[in-house]
Amino acid sequence: MSAANKAPSELLAEINKGDFNQKHVEAQEKNPLPSAEAIQEEKQHQEHMGGITGFRRTSLKRTQSQEKGCLPTQDVINQEKTEAELRDRIGNFNKEQLKHTTTTEKTVLPSSGGRS
């Protein structure tokens, strides 16, 4: 070995002595395994993806669709027209055509003959 690769003699003497003041340490695994729920979800996902990728369009059957038009009856149309006309007349009502009137309040009291 070259001089640059040689360890200092003090370090070598301490290593050979074997007196290391070190503490015992328990090793902890940092890579935990997935939970049962995560495994189940992954399996379901794989099954869905397999069903999608393995799907054959030729297994589908051709269908004829019928469009059904739901038109209102003549009675409903007439009722809606009447409501629209009424709302239009109420909205366009001319208040200037009204006459001013005064109200008189009358209080009718029972006669004294009806009491006992």
Protein backbone atom coordinates (compact mmCIF):
# COMPACT_ATOMS: atom_id res chain seq x y z
CA MET A 1 0.00 0.00 0.00
CA SER A 2 1.05 3.51 -0.65
CA ALA A 3 1.57 6.05 2.09
CA ALA A 4 -1.66 7.89 1.18
CA ASN A 5 -3.77 4.74 1.67
CA LYS A 6 -2.32 3.73 5.05
CA ALA A 7 -4.42 4.36 8.15
CA PRO A 8 -2.87 6.23 11.07
CA SER A 9 -1.18 3.93 13.56
CA GLU A 10 -3.26 5.29 16.50
CA LEU A 11 -6.50 4.32 14.73
CA LEU A 12 -5.19 0.85 13.95
CA ALA A 13 -4.09 0.36 17.55
CA GLU A 14 -7.54 1.35 18.86
CA ILE A 15 -9.30 -0.99 16.40
CA ASN A 16 -7.06 -3.88 17.39
CA LYS A 17 -7.66 -3.16 21.07
CA GLY A 18 -11.38 -3.91 20.60
CA ASP A 19 -12.66 -1.56 23.30
CA PHE A 20 -15.48 0.27 21.55
CA ASN A 21 -17.83 2.22 23.77
CA GLN A 22 -20.85 1.78 21.56
CA LYS A 23 -24.50 1.27 22.42
CA HIS A 24 -26.61 -1.57 21.08
CA VAL A 25 -29.20 -0.33 18.56
CA GLU A 26 -32.26 -2.18 17.30
CA ALA A 27 -32.63 -1.98 13.54
CA GLN A 28 -35.96 -0.65 12.32
CA GLU A 29 -37.34 -1.48 8.92
CA LYS A 30 -38.38 1.66 7.08
CA ASN A 31 -40.30 -0.10 4.28
CA PRO A 32 -43.63 -1.22 5.83
CA LEU A 33 -45.85 -3.64 3.95
CA PRO A 34 -49.20 -2.40 2.57
CA SER A 35 -52.35 -2.99 4.58
CA ALA A 36 -54.97 -5.61 3.65
CA GLU A 37 -57.33 -2.81 2.49
CA ALA A 38 -54.69 -1.41 0.13
CA ILE A 39 -54.06 -4.86 -1.30
CA GLN A 40 -57.81 -5.44 -1.81
CA GLU A 41 -58.23 -2.07 -3.55
CA GLU A 42 -55.29 -2.87 -5.83
CA LYS A 43 -56.82 -6.24 -6.73
CA GLN A 44 -60.17 -4.63 -7.55
CA HIS A 45 -58.45 -2.01 -9.67
CA GLN A 46 -56.55 -4.70 -11.58
CA GLU A 47 -59.80 -6.64 -12.16
CA HIS A 48 -61.55 -3.52 -13.50
CA MET A 49 -58.65 -2.70 -15.79
CA GLY A 50 -58.56 -6.30 -17.03
CA GLY A 51 -62.30 -6.15 -17.80
CA ILE A 52 -61.87 -2.90 -19.70
CA THR A 53 -58.89 -4.01 -21.75
CA GLY A 54 -60.39 -7.45 -22.47
CA PHE A 55 -63.78 -6.10 -23.60
CA ARG A 56 -64.88 -7.17 -27.07
CA ARG A 57 -67.13 -4.80 -28.99
CA THR A 58 -68.32 -7.67 -31.15
CA SER A 59 -70.24 -9.07 -28.18
CA LEU A 60 -72.60 -6.08 -28.26
CA LYS A 61 -75.97 -6.37 -30.00
CA ARG A 62 -77.43 -3.75 -32.28
CA THR A 63 -80.63 -2.11 -30.95
CA GLN A 64 -83.24 0.13 -32.50
CA SER A 65 -84.20 3.09 -30.38
CA GLN A 66 -87.49 4.90 -30.71
CA GLU A 67 -87.82 8.51 -29.78
CA LYS A 68 -91.06 9.35 -28.12
CA GLY A 69 -92.11 12.97 -28.36
CA CYS A 70 -94.13 14.08 -25.39
CA LEU A 71 -96.08 17.03 -26.76
CA PRO A 72 -98.62 18.88 -24.63
CA THR A 73 -102.31 18.48 -25.41
CA GLN A 74 -104.41 21.29 -26.89
CA ASP A 75 -106.02 21.92 -23.47
CA VAL A 76 -102.63 22.48 -21.83
CA ILE A 77 -101.56 24.81 -24.65
CA ASN A 78 -104.77 26.88 -24.31
CA GLN A 79 -104.37 27.07 -20.53
CA GLU A 80 -100.79 28.33 -20.85
CA LYS A 81 -101.87 30.93 -23.45
CA THR A 82 -104.62 32.18 -21.12
CA GLU A 83 -102.20 32.47 -18.20
CA ALA A 84 -99.66 34.33 -20.36
CA GLU A 85 -102.33 36.78 -21.58
CA LEU A 86 -103.57 37.38 -18.03
CA ARG A 87 -100.06 38.06 -16.77
CA ASP A 88 -99.47 40.42 -19.69
CA ARG A 89 -102.68 42.35 -18.99
CA ILE A 90 -101.81 42.64 -15.28
CA GLY A 91 -98.32 43.88 -16.09
CA ASN A 92 -99.59 46.49 -18.57
CA PHE A 93 -102.43 47.79 -16.39
CA ASN A 94 -102.87 51.58 -16.61
CA LYS A 95 -103.32 53.04 -13.13
CA GLU A 96 -104.25 56.45 -14.57
CA GLN A 97 -107.70 55.17 -15.55
CA LEU A 98 -108.67 54.54 -11.91
CA LYS A 99 -110.97 57.04 -10.17
CA HIS A 100 -110.12 58.42 -6.74
CA THR A 101 -112.48 57.30 -4.06
CA THR A 102 -112.79 57.92 -0.34
CA THR A 103 -113.75 55.29 2.13
CA THR A 104 -116.11 55.82 5.00
CA GLU A 105 -115.84 53.50 7.89
CA LYS A 106 -119.10 52.42 9.49
CA THR A 107 -119.23 50.62 12.79
CA VAL A 108 -122.44 48.75 13.42
CA LEU A 109 -123.12 48.18 17.08
CA PRO A 110 -125.71 45.70 18.30
CA SER A 111 -128.92 47.12 19.69
CA SER A 112 -129.46 47.18 23.42
CA GLY A 113 -132.61 45.04 23.10
CA GLY A 114 -130.64 41.95 22.23
CA ARG A 115 -128.88 41.84 25.58
CA SER A 116 -130.26 40.26 28.68
